[in-house]
Amino acid sequence: MLEFPNIRYPIYPIDETTPDVSRKAQVENMTMLTHRKTTKALRSYSVNYKIPTSEYIKLRNFFDQVNTAEIFLWTHPETRAKVRVRFADQLHFSASDYGIWNGSIQLQEA
């Protein structure tokens, strides 16, 4: 399985979203009926980076290789757990200074 390229740690904040995987229905007597739709909640992550050009090129080449189709292993920067993810959206980067790129990636658990 492919692994996310070895680039420096992201900058903060790191956003993590856990979706609500329950189904809710309110009945006539105002009681709420609930149950889970799925057994696993697939989290999504928004990760920001400030990296030099050499690392940005590594990241861009990796994105060109996997795009949003392939699953790869990504190490969560806080928990250090390896998570199976795919890119959820395109890369958003801009050169903010000579040799420095700022941007973000969106990841979705798979």
PDB file of N, CA and C in Angstrom:
ATOM      1  N   MET A   1       0.843  -1.177   0.000  1.00  0.00           N
ATOM      2  CA  MET A   1       0.000   0.000   0.000  1.00  0.00           C
ATOM      3  C   MET A   1       0.889   1.241   0.000  1.00  0.00           C
ATOM      4  N   LEU A   2       0.468   2.241  -0.731  1.00  0.00           N
ATOM      5  CA  LEU A   2       1.218   3.499  -0.806  1.00  0.00           C
ATOM      6  C   LEU A   2       1.187   4.239   0.529  1.00  0.00           C
ATOM      7  N   GLU A   3       2.223   5.019   0.782  1.00  0.00           N
ATOM      8  CA  GLU A   3       2.270   5.843   1.989  1.00  0.00           C
ATOM      9  C   GLU A   3       2.439   7.302   1.605  1.00  0.00           C
ATOM     10  N   PHE A   4       1.840   8.173   2.418  1.00  0.00           N
ATOM     11  CA  PHE A   4       1.961   9.611   2.241  1.00  0.00           C
ATOM     12  C   PHE A   4       3.440   9.985   2.265  1.00  0.00           C
ATOM     13  N   PRO A   5       3.878  10.930   1.420  1.00  0.00           N
ATOM     14  CA  PRO A   5       5.307  11.259   1.370  1.00  0.00           C
ATOM     15  C   PRO A   5       5.837  11.792   2.701  1.00  0.00           C
ATOM     16  N   ASN A   6       7.125  11.583   2.906  1.00  0.00           N
ATOM     17  CA  ASN A   6       7.784  12.014   4.125  1.00  0.00           C
ATOM     18  C   ASN A   6       8.128  13.500   4.009  1.00  0.00           C
ATOM     19  N   ILE A   7       7.186  14.339   4.436  1.00  0.00           N
ATOM     20  CA  ILE A   7       7.409  15.784   4.459  1.00  0.00           C
ATOM     21  C   ILE A   7       7.213  16.256   5.896  1.00  0.00           C
ATOM     22  N   ARG A   8       7.589  17.486   6.169  1.00  0.00           N
ATOM     23  CA  ARG A   8       7.513  17.979   7.545  1.00  0.00           C
ATOM     24  C   ARG A   8       6.082  17.975   8.069  1.00  0.00           C
ATOM     25  N   TYR A   9       5.962  18.076   9.394  1.00  0.00           N
ATOM     26  CA  TYR A   9       4.646  18.037  10.023  1.00  0.00           C
ATOM     27  C   TYR A   9       3.823  19.249   9.624  1.00  0.00           C
ATOM     28  N   PRO A  10       2.505  19.092   9.606  1.00  0.00           N
ATOM     29  CA  PRO A  10       1.638  20.202   9.228  1.00  0.00           C
ATOM     30  C   PRO A  10       1.631  21.305  10.287  1.00  0.00           C
ATOM     31  N   ILE A  11       1.126  22.449   9.874  1.00  0.00           N
ATOM     32  CA  ILE A  11       0.963  23.559  10.814  1.00  0.00           C
ATOM     33  C   ILE A  11      -0.454  23.507  11.371  1.00  0.00           C
ATOM     34  N   TYR A  12      -0.650  24.136  12.505  1.00  0.00           N
ATOM     35  CA  TYR A  12      -1.958  24.122  13.146  1.00  0.00           C
ATOM     36  C   TYR A  12      -2.780  25.297  12.672  1.00  0.00           C
ATOM     37  N   PRO A  13      -4.100  25.158  12.643  1.00  0.00           N
ATOM     38  CA  PRO A  13      -4.918  24.071  13.173  1.00  0.00           C
ATOM     39  C   PRO A  13      -5.042  22.906  12.198  1.00  0.00           C
ATOM     40  N   ILE A  14      -5.276  21.718  12.753  1.00  0.00           N
ATOM     41  CA  ILE A  14      -5.614  20.527  11.981  1.00  0.00           C
ATOM     42  C   ILE A  14      -7.081  20.246  12.275  1.00  0.00           C
ATOM     43  N   ASP A  15      -7.905  20.264  11.248  1.00  0.00           N
ATOM     44  CA  ASP A  15      -9.342  20.048  11.442  1.00  0.00           C
ATOM     45  C   ASP A  15      -9.684  18.587  11.207  1.00  0.00           C
ATOM     46  N   GLU A  16     -10.461  18.033  12.132  1.00  0.00           N
ATOM     47  CA  GLU A  16     -10.935  16.660  12.018  1.00  0.00           C
ATOM     48  C   GLU A  16     -12.452  16.685  12.183  1.00  0.00           C
ATOM     49  N   THR A  17     -13.171  16.088  11.235  1.00  0.00           N
ATOM     50  CA  THR A  17     -14.625  16.074  11.274  1.00  0.00           C
ATOM     51  C   THR A  17     -15.110  14.631  11.364  1.00  0.00           C
ATOM     52  N   THR A  18     -15.941  14.362  12.364  1.00  0.00           N
ATOM     53  CA  THR A  18     -16.556  13.047  12.514  1.00  0.00           C
ATOM     54  C   THR A  18     -18.042  13.191  12.210  1.00  0.00           C
ATOM     55  N   PRO A  19     -18.526  12.510  11.182  1.00  0.00           N
ATOM     56  CA  PRO A  19     -19.930  12.683  10.808  1.00  0.00           C
ATOM     57  C   PRO A  19     -20.877  11.965  11.771  1.00  0.00           C
ATOM     58  N   ASP A  20     -22.097  12.446  11.813  1.00  0.00           N
ATOM     59  CA  ASP A  20     -23.161  11.794  12.572  1.00  0.00           C
ATOM     60  C   ASP A  20     -23.688  10.653  11.710  1.00  0.00           C
ATOM     61  N   VAL A  21     -23.554   9.420  12.169  1.00  0.00           N
ATOM     62  CA  VAL A  21     -23.963   8.265  11.365  1.00  0.00           C
ATOM     63  C   VAL A  21     -25.258   7.634  11.891  1.00  0.00           C
ATOM     64  N   SER A  22     -26.074   8.441  12.540  1.00  0.00           N
ATOM     65  CA  SER A  22     -27.340   7.918  13.051  1.00  0.00           C
ATOM     66  C   SER A  22     -28.509   8.453  12.228  1.00  0.00           C
ATOM     67  N   ARG A  23     -29.552   7.689  12.240  1.00  0.00           N
ATOM     68  CA  ARG A  23     -30.800   8.081  11.572  1.00  0.00           C
ATOM     69  C   ARG A  23     -31.786   8.461  12.671  1.00  0.00           C
ATOM     70  N   LYS A  24     -32.427   9.616  12.541  1.00  0.00           N
ATOM     71  CA  LYS A  24     -33.335  10.113  13.577  1.00  0.00           C
ATOM     72  C   LYS A  24     -34.715  10.358  12.984  1.00  0.00           C
ATOM     73  N   ALA A  25     -35.725  10.043  13.772  1.00  0.00           N
ATOM     74  CA  ALA A  25     -37.106  10.309  13.360  1.00  0.00           C
ATOM     75  C   ALA A  25     -37.920  10.649  14.599  1.00  0.00           C
ATOM     76  N   GLN A  26     -38.724  11.681  14.476  1.00  0.00           N
ATOM     77  CA  GLN A  26     -39.576  12.080  15.590  1.00  0.00           C
ATOM     78  C   GLN A  26     -40.993  11.583  15.299  1.00  0.00           C
ATOM     79  N   VAL A  27     -41.609  10.944  16.294  1.00  0.00           N
ATOM     80  CA  VAL A  27     -42.961  10.407  16.125  1.00  0.00           C
ATOM     81  C   VAL A  27     -43.978  11.351  16.756  1.00  0.00           C
ATOM     82  N   GLU A  28     -45.267  10.995  16.637  1.00  0.00           N
ATOM     83  CA  GLU A  28     -46.356  11.904  17.053  1.00  0.00           C
ATOM     84  C   GLU A  28     -46.263  12.362  18.503  1.00  0.00           C
ATOM     85  N   ASN A  29     -45.875  11.485  19.407  1.00  0.00           N
ATOM     86  CA  ASN A  29     -45.810  11.878  20.818  1.00  0.00           C
ATOM     87  C   ASN A  29     -44.499  12.585  21.171  1.00  0.00           C
ATOM     88  N   MET A  30     -43.790  13.073  20.144  1.00  0.00           N
ATOM     89  CA  MET A  30     -42.555  13.850  20.275  1.00  0.00           C
ATOM     90  C   MET A  30     -41.365  13.010  20.754  1.00  0.00           C
ATOM     91  N   THR A  31     -41.485  11.699  20.697  1.00  0.00           N
ATOM     92  CA  THR A  31     -40.374  10.821  21.019  1.00  0.00           C
ATOM     93  C   THR A  31     -39.422  10.766  19.824  1.00  0.00           C
ATOM     94  N   MET A  32     -38.150  10.719  20.102  1.00  0.00           N
ATOM     95  CA  MET A  32     -37.139  10.645  19.045  1.00  0.00           C
ATOM     96  C   MET A  32     -36.678   9.203  18.924  1.00  0.00           C
ATOM     97  N   LEU A  33     -36.811   8.627  17.739  1.00  0.00           N
ATOM     98  CA  LEU A  33     -36.326   7.281  17.455  1.00  0.00           C
ATOM     99  C   LEU A  33     -35.001   7.411  16.726  1.00  0.00           C
ATOM    100  N   THR A  34     -33.986   6.689  17.181  1.00  0.00           N
ATOM    101  CA  THR A  34     -32.668   6.775  16.553  1.00  0.00           C
ATOM    102  C   THR A  34     -32.054   5.395  16.400  1.00  0.00           C
ATOM    103  N   HIS A  35     -31.218   5.235  15.380  1.00  0.00           N
ATOM    104  CA  HIS A  35     -30.369   4.058  15.224  1.00  0.00           C
ATOM    105  C   HIS A  35     -29.238   4.395  14.264  1.00  0.00           C
ATOM    106  N   ARG A  36     -28.170   3.606  14.355  1.00  0.00           N
ATOM    107  CA  ARG A  36     -26.990   3.851  13.519  1.00  0.00           C
ATOM    108  C   ARG A  36     -27.253   3.407  12.088  1.00  0.00           C
ATOM    109  N   LYS A  37     -26.793   4.212  11.126  1.00  0.00           N
ATOM    110  CA  LYS A  37     -26.890   3.854   9.706  1.00  0.00           C
ATOM    111  C   LYS A  37     -25.754   2.937   9.292  1.00  0.00           C
ATOM    112  N   THR A  38     -24.572   3.184   9.830  1.00  0.00           N
ATOM    113  CA  THR A  38     -23.395   2.394   9.473  1.00  0.00           C
ATOM    114  C   THR A  38     -22.647   2.003  10.736  1.00  0.00           C
ATOM    115  N   THR A  39     -21.729   1.088  10.592  1.00  0.00           N
ATOM    116  CA  THR A  39     -20.974   0.642  11.762  1.00  0.00           C
ATOM    117  C   THR A  39     -19.727   1.479  12.014  1.00  0.00           C
ATOM    118  N   LYS A  40     -19.275   2.233  11.015  1.00  0.00           N
ATOM    119  CA  LYS A  40     -18.064   3.029  11.192  1.00  0.00           C
ATOM    120  C   LYS A  40     -18.270   4.438  10.651  1.00  0.00           C
ATOM    121  N   ALA A  41     -17.862   5.402  11.440  1.00  0.00           N
ATOM    122  CA  ALA A  41     -17.910   6.796  11.005  1.00  0.00           C
ATOM    123  C   ALA A  41     -16.589   7.119  10.311  1.00  0.00           C
ATOM    124  N   LEU A  42     -16.649   7.490   9.054  1.00  0.00           N
ATOM    125  CA  LEU A  42     -15.441   7.820   8.297  1.00  0.00           C
ATOM    126  C   LEU A  42     -15.124   9.304   8.489  1.00  0.00           C
ATOM    127  N   ARG A  43     -14.039   9.560   9.181  1.00  0.00           N
ATOM    128  CA  ARG A  43     -13.660  10.947   9.475  1.00  0.00           C
ATOM    129  C   ARG A  43     -13.019  11.609   8.260  1.00  0.00           C
ATOM    130  N   SER A  44     -13.060  12.927   8.274  1.00  0.00           N
ATOM    131  CA  SER A  44     -12.351  13.689   7.254  1.00  0.00           C
ATOM    132  C   SER A  44     -11.405  14.660   7.961  1.00  0.00           C
ATOM    133  N   TYR A  45     -10.342  15.014   7.261  1.00  0.00           N
ATOM    134  CA  TYR A  45      -9.286  15.849   7.840  1.00  0.00           C
ATOM    135  C   TYR A  45      -8.940  16.976   6.878  1.00  0.00           C
ATOM    136  N   SER A  46      -8.712  18.145   7.436  1.00  0.00           N
ATOM    137  CA  SER A  46      -8.181  19.274   6.685  1.00  0.00           C
ATOM    138  C   SER A  46      -6.847  19.619   7.323  1.00  0.00           C
ATOM    139  N   VAL A  47      -5.772  19.492   6.530  1.00  0.00           N
ATOM    140  CA  VAL A  47      -4.415  19.615   7.071  1.00  0.00           C
ATOM    141  C   VAL A  47      -3.687  20.721   6.313  1.00  0.00           C
ATOM    142  N   ASN A  48      -3.092  21.646   7.050  1.00  0.00           N
ATOM    143  CA  ASN A  48      -2.391  22.795   6.469  1.00  0.00           C
ATOM    144  C   ASN A  48      -0.882  22.589   6.529  1.00  0.00           C
ATOM    145  N   TYR A  49      -0.214  23.038   5.492  1.00  0.00           N
ATOM    146  CA  TYR A  49       1.244  22.893   5.425  1.00  0.00           C
ATOM    147  C   TYR A  49       1.906  24.206   5.022  1.00  0.00           C
ATOM    148  N   LYS A  50       3.119  24.385   5.534  1.00  0.00           N
ATOM    149  CA  LYS A  50       4.025  25.447   5.085  1.00  0.00           C
ATOM    150  C   LYS A  50       5.339  24.727   4.826  1.00  0.00           C
ATOM    151  N   ILE A  51       5.627  24.463   3.547  1.00  0.00           N
ATOM    152  CA  ILE A  51       6.740  23.576   3.194  1.00  0.00           C
ATOM    153  C   ILE A  51       7.614  24.203   2.114  1.00  0.00           C
ATOM    154  N   PRO A  52       8.888  23.801   2.078  1.00  0.00           N
ATOM    155  CA  PRO A  52       9.766  24.288   1.016  1.00  0.00           C
ATOM    156  C   PRO A  52       9.399  23.657  -0.328  1.00  0.00           C
ATOM    157  N   THR A  53       9.898  24.249  -1.390  1.00  0.00           N
ATOM    158  CA  THR A  53       9.564  23.811  -2.750  1.00  0.00           C
ATOM    159  C   THR A  53       9.880  22.339  -2.972  1.00  0.00           C
ATOM    160  N   SER A  54      11.002  21.852  -2.456  1.00  0.00           N
ATOM    161  CA  SER A  54      11.375  20.448  -2.679  1.00  0.00           C
ATOM    162  C   SER A  54      10.326  19.496  -2.100  1.00  0.00           C
ATOM    163  N   GLU A  55       9.798  19.815  -0.917  1.00  0.00           N
ATOM    164  CA  GLU A  55       8.768  18.970  -0.312  1.00  0.00           C
ATOM    165  C   GLU A  55       7.426  19.143  -1.011  1.00  0.00           C
ATOM    166  N   TYR A  56       7.142  20.356  -1.476  1.00  0.00           N
ATOM    167  CA  TYR A  56       5.901  20.575  -2.225  1.00  0.00           C
ATOM    168  C   TYR A  56       5.903  19.743  -3.506  1.00  0.00           C
ATOM    169  N   ILE A  57       7.043  19.675  -4.176  1.00  0.00           N
ATOM    170  CA  ILE A  57       7.130  18.872  -5.407  1.00  0.00           C
ATOM    171  C   ILE A  57       6.910  17.396  -5.096  1.00  0.00           C
ATOM    172  N   LYS A  58       7.447  16.910  -3.968  1.00  0.00           N
ATOM    173  CA  LYS A  58       7.191  15.522  -3.547  1.00  0.00           C
ATOM    174  C   LYS A  58       5.693  15.293  -3.345  1.00  0.00           C
ATOM    175  N   LEU A  59       5.041  16.232  -2.640  1.00  0.00           N
ATOM    176  CA  LEU A  59       3.608  16.116  -2.373  1.00  0.00           C
ATOM    177  C   LEU A  59       2.803  16.178  -3.664  1.00  0.00           C
ATOM    178  N   ARG A  60       3.148  17.111  -4.540  1.00  0.00           N
ATOM    179  CA  ARG A  60       2.431  17.259  -5.818  1.00  0.00           C
ATOM    180  C   ARG A  60       2.592  16.011  -6.681  1.00  0.00           C
ATOM    181  N   ASN A  61       3.794  15.448  -6.731  1.00  0.00           N
ATOM    182  CA  ASN A  61       4.011  14.222  -7.503  1.00  0.00           C
ATOM    183  C   ASN A  61       3.212  13.056  -6.928  1.00  0.00           C
ATOM    184  N   PHE A  62       3.138  12.975  -5.598  1.00  0.00           N
ATOM    185  CA  PHE A  62       2.339  11.925  -4.972  1.00  0.00           C
ATOM    186  C   PHE A  62       0.868  12.097  -5.323  1.00  0.00           C
ATOM    187  N   PHE A  63       0.372  13.351  -5.259  1.00  0.00           N
ATOM    188  CA  PHE A  63      -1.025  13.607  -5.620  1.00  0.00           C
ATOM    189  C   PHE A  63      -1.279  13.239  -7.080  1.00  0.00           C
ATOM    190  N   ASP A  64      -0.348  13.571  -7.971  1.00  0.00           N
ATOM    191  CA  ASP A  64      -0.498  13.212  -9.384  1.00  0.00           C
ATOM    192  C   ASP A  64      -0.573  11.698  -9.563  1.00  0.00           C
ATOM    193  N   GLN A  65       0.130  10.969  -8.714  1.00  0.00           N
ATOM    194  CA  GLN A  65       0.144   9.510  -8.805  1.00  0.00           C
ATOM    195  C   GLN A  65      -1.171   8.894  -8.318  1.00  0.00           C
ATOM    196  N   VAL A  66      -1.674   9.346  -7.166  1.00  0.00           N
ATOM    197  CA  VAL A  66      -2.862   8.717  -6.575  1.00  0.00           C
ATOM    198  C   VAL A  66      -4.150   9.476  -6.869  1.00  0.00           C
ATOM    199  N   ASN A  67      -4.047  10.779  -7.096  1.00  0.00           N
ATOM    200  CA  ASN A  67      -5.190  11.663  -7.284  1.00  0.00           C
ATOM    201  C   ASN A  67      -6.213  11.414  -6.180  1.00  0.00           C
ATOM    202  N   THR A  68      -7.495  11.450  -6.481  1.00  0.00           N
ATOM    203  CA  THR A  68      -8.503  11.206  -5.446  1.00  0.00           C
ATOM    204  C   THR A  68      -9.012   9.776  -5.490  1.00  0.00           C
ATOM    205  N   ALA A  69      -8.390   8.930  -6.316  1.00  0.00           N
ATOM    206  CA  ALA A  69      -8.906   7.583  -6.533  1.00  0.00           C
ATOM    207  C   ALA A  69      -8.297   6.531  -5.610  1.00  0.00           C
ATOM    208  N   GLU A  70      -7.018   6.633  -5.310  1.00  0.00           N
ATOM    209  CA  GLU A  70      -6.347   5.550  -4.589  1.00  0.00           C
ATOM    210  C   GLU A  70      -6.265   5.807  -3.089  1.00  0.00           C
ATOM    211  N   ILE A  71      -6.289   4.714  -2.344  1.00  0.00           N
ATOM    212  CA  ILE A  71      -6.173   4.758  -0.886  1.00  0.00           C
ATOM    213  C   ILE A  71      -4.694   4.634  -0.518  1.00  0.00           C
ATOM    214  N   PHE A  72      -4.291   5.368   0.525  1.00  0.00           N
ATOM    215  CA  PHE A  72      -2.907   5.311   0.993  1.00  0.00           C
ATOM    216  C   PHE A  72      -2.879   5.456   2.506  1.00  0.00           C
ATOM    217  N   LEU A  73      -1.730   5.188   3.099  1.00  0.00           N
ATOM    218  CA  LEU A  73      -1.562   5.331   4.547  1.00  0.00           C
ATOM    219  C   LEU A  73      -1.032   6.725   4.865  1.00  0.00           C
ATOM    220  N   TRP A  74      -1.665   7.358   5.826  1.00  0.00           N
ATOM    221  CA  TRP A  74      -1.272   8.688   6.290  1.00  0.00           C
ATOM    222  C   TRP A  74      -1.109   8.612   7.798  1.00  0.00           C
ATOM    223  N   THR A  75      -0.038   9.178   8.328  1.00  0.00           N
ATOM    224  CA  THR A  75       0.193   9.178   9.770  1.00  0.00           C
ATOM    225  C   THR A  75      -0.427  10.426  10.375  1.00  0.00           C
ATOM    226  N   HIS A  76      -1.389  10.220  11.278  1.00  0.00           N
ATOM    227  CA  HIS A  76      -2.049  11.345  11.955  1.00  0.00           C
ATOM    228  C   HIS A  76      -1.000  12.079  12.781  1.00  0.00           C
ATOM    229  N   PRO A  77      -0.865  13.400  12.617  1.00  0.00           N
ATOM    230  CA  PRO A  77       0.223  14.133  13.281  1.00  0.00           C
ATOM    231  C   PRO A  77       0.135  14.162  14.804  1.00  0.00           C
ATOM    232  N   GLU A  78      -1.040  14.019  15.378  1.00  0.00           N
ATOM    233  CA  GLU A  78      -1.185  14.059  16.837  1.00  0.00           C
ATOM    234  C   GLU A  78      -1.111  12.673  17.459  1.00  0.00           C
ATOM    235  N   THR A  79      -1.847  11.716  16.913  1.00  0.00           N
ATOM    236  CA  THR A  79      -1.928  10.383  17.520  1.00  0.00           C
ATOM    237  C   THR A  79      -0.834   9.449  17.018  1.00  0.00           C
ATOM    238  N   ARG A  80      -0.194   9.783  15.905  1.00  0.00           N
ATOM    239  CA  ARG A  80       0.825   8.967  15.243  1.00  0.00           C
ATOM    240  C   ARG A  80       0.256   7.635  14.726  1.00  0.00           C
ATOM    241  N   ALA A  81      -1.067   7.526  14.683  1.00  0.00           N
ATOM    242  CA  ALA A  81      -1.709   6.318  14.156  1.00  0.00           C
ATOM    243  C   ALA A  81      -1.714   6.380  12.634  1.00  0.00           C
ATOM    244  N   LYS A  82      -1.517   5.234  12.005  1.00  0.00           N
ATOM    245  CA  LYS A  82      -1.589   5.158  10.540  1.00  0.00           C
ATOM    246  C   LYS A  82      -3.051   4.993  10.155  1.00  0.00           C
ATOM    247  N   VAL A  83      -3.525   5.863   9.266  1.00  0.00           N
ATOM    248  CA  VAL A  83      -4.931   5.888   8.875  1.00  0.00           C
ATOM    249  C   VAL A  83      -5.011   5.657   7.366  1.00  0.00           C
ATOM    250  N   ARG A  84      -5.951   4.802   6.950  1.00  0.00           N
ATOM    251  CA  ARG A  84      -6.193   4.574   5.517  1.00  0.00           C
ATOM    252  C   ARG A  84      -7.079   5.711   5.007  1.00  0.00           C
ATOM    253  N   VAL A  85      -6.545   6.512   4.083  1.00  0.00           N
ATOM    254  CA  VAL A  85      -7.263   7.685   3.576  1.00  0.00           C
ATOM    255  C   VAL A  85      -7.113   7.784   2.061  1.00  0.00           C
ATOM    256  N   ARG A  86      -7.875   8.701   1.504  1.00  0.00           N
ATOM    257  CA  ARG A  86      -7.703   9.128   0.109  1.00  0.00           C
ATOM    258  C   ARG A  86      -7.858  10.644   0.099  1.00  0.00           C
ATOM    259  N   PHE A  87      -7.328  11.285  -0.931  1.00  0.00           N
ATOM    260  CA  PHE A  87      -7.537  12.725  -1.065  1.00  0.00           C
ATOM    261  C   PHE A  87      -9.016  12.967  -1.352  1.00  0.00           C
ATOM    262  N   ALA A  88      -9.602  13.917  -0.657  1.00  0.00           N
ATOM    263  CA  ALA A  88     -11.016  14.225  -0.838  1.00  0.00           C
ATOM    264  C   ALA A  88     -11.231  15.368  -1.826  1.00  0.00           C
ATOM    265  N   ASP A  89     -10.175  16.098  -2.124  1.00  0.00           N
ATOM    266  CA  ASP A  89     -10.298  17.267  -2.990  1.00  0.00           C
ATOM    267  C   ASP A  89      -8.925  17.551  -3.592  1.00  0.00           C
ATOM    268  N   GLN A  90      -8.868  18.553  -4.426  1.00  0.00           N
ATOM    269  CA  GLN A  90      -7.607  18.934  -5.064  1.00  0.00           C
ATOM    270  C   GLN A  90      -6.663  19.594  -4.060  1.00  0.00           C
ATOM    271  N   LEU A  91      -5.402  19.698  -4.441  1.00  0.00           N
ATOM    272  CA  LEU A  91      -4.431  20.411  -3.610  1.00  0.00           C
ATOM    273  C   LEU A  91      -4.683  21.908  -3.729  1.00  0.00           C
ATOM    274  N   HIS A  92      -4.550  22.622  -2.610  1.00  0.00           N
ATOM    275  CA  HIS A  92      -4.709  24.085  -2.601  1.00  0.00           C
ATOM    276  C   HIS A  92      -3.425  24.681  -2.033  1.00  0.00           C
ATOM    277  N   PHE A  93      -2.495  25.065  -2.905  1.00  0.00           N
ATOM    278  CA  PHE A  93      -1.213  25.608  -2.452  1.00  0.00           C
ATOM    279  C   PHE A  93      -0.879  26.873  -3.218  1.00  0.00           C
ATOM    280  N   SER A  94      -0.148  27.772  -2.549  1.00  0.00           N
ATOM    281  CA  SER A  94       0.356  28.971  -3.212  1.00  0.00           C
ATOM    282  C   SER A  94       1.754  29.273  -2.678  1.00  0.00           C
ATOM    283  N   ALA A  95       2.590  29.833  -3.547  1.00  0.00           N
ATOM    284  CA  ALA A  95       3.948  30.214  -3.152  1.00  0.00           C
ATOM    285  C   ALA A  95       3.850  31.548  -2.412  1.00  0.00           C
ATOM    286  N   SER A  96       4.067  31.501  -1.101  1.00  0.00           N
ATOM    287  CA  SER A  96       3.895  32.701  -0.285  1.00  0.00           C
ATOM    288  C   SER A  96       5.170  33.510  -0.145  1.00  0.00           C
ATOM    289  N   ASP A  97       6.288  32.874  -0.374  1.00  0.00           N
ATOM    290  CA  ASP A  97       7.588  33.521  -0.286  1.00  0.00           C
ATOM    291  C   ASP A  97       8.522  32.710  -1.174  1.00  0.00           C
ATOM    292  N   TYR A  98       9.684  33.236  -1.449  1.00  0.00           N
ATOM    293  CA  TYR A  98      10.594  32.509  -2.324  1.00  0.00           C
ATOM    294  C   TYR A  98      10.944  31.152  -1.706  1.00  0.00           C
ATOM    295  N   GLY A  99      10.576  30.081  -2.401  1.00  0.00           N
ATOM    296  CA  GLY A  99      10.897  28.734  -1.945  1.00  0.00           C
ATOM    297  C   GLY A  99      10.000  28.169  -0.866  1.00  0.00           C
ATOM    298  N   ILE A 100       8.915  28.866  -0.522  1.00  0.00           N
ATOM    299  CA  ILE A 100       7.999  28.403   0.528  1.00  0.00           C
ATOM    300  C   ILE A 100       6.583  28.328  -0.035  1.00  0.00           C
ATOM    301  N   TRP A 101       5.927  27.192   0.197  1.00  0.00           N
ATOM    302  CA  TRP A 101       4.551  26.968  -0.263  1.00  0.00           C
ATOM    303  C   TRP A 101       3.625  26.781   0.931  1.00  0.00           C
ATOM    304  N   ASN A 102       2.500  27.519   0.917  1.00  0.00           N
ATOM    305  CA  ASN A 102       1.450  27.384   1.928  1.00  0.00           C
ATOM    306  C   ASN A 102       0.234  26.765   1.275  1.00  0.00           C
ATOM    307  N   GLY A 103      -0.414  25.854   1.992  1.00  0.00           N
ATOM    308  CA  GLY A 103      -1.621  25.275   1.428  1.00  0.00           C
ATOM    309  C   GLY A 103      -2.232  24.238   2.335  1.00  0.00           C
ATOM    310  N   SER A 104      -3.261  23.591   1.804  1.00  0.00           N
ATOM    311  CA  SER A 104      -3.966  22.597   2.590  1.00  0.00           C
ATOM    312  C   SER A 104      -4.343  21.404   1.726  1.00  0.00           C
ATOM    313  N   ILE A 105      -4.535  20.281   2.406  1.00  0.00           N
ATOM    314  CA  ILE A 105      -5.043  19.084   1.747  1.00  0.00           C
ATOM    315  C   ILE A 105      -6.268  18.613   2.500  1.00  0.00           C
ATOM    316  N   GLN A 106      -7.180  18.003   1.794  1.00  0.00           N
ATOM    317  CA  GLN A 106      -8.390  17.427   2.388  1.00  0.00           C
ATOM    318  C   GLN A 106      -8.288  15.917   2.240  1.00  0.00           C
ATOM    319  N   LEU A 107      -8.434  15.203   3.360  1.00  0.00           N
ATOM    320  CA  LEU A 107      -8.347  13.749   3.359  1.00  0.00           C
ATOM    321  C   LEU A 107      -9.647  13.160   3.882  1.00  0.00           C
ATOM    322  N   GLN A 108      -9.998  11.985   3.373  1.00  0.00           N
ATOM    323  CA  GLN A 108     -11.203  11.267   3.798  1.00  0.00           C
ATOM    324  C   GLN A 108     -10.803   9.843   4.142  1.00  0.00           C
ATOM    325  N   GLU A 109     -11.210   9.359   5.321  1.00  0.00           N
ATOM    326  CA  GLU A 109     -10.927   7.974   5.679  1.00  0.00           C
ATOM    327  C   GLU A 109     -11.583   7.022   4.690  1.00  0.00           C
ATOM    328  N   ALA A 110     -10.939   5.889   4.481  1.00  0.00           N
ATOM    329  CA  ALA A 110     -11.480   4.903   3.546  1.00  0.00           C
ATOM    330  C   ALA A 110     -11.686   3.578   4.252  1.00  0.00           C
TER     331      ALA A 110
END
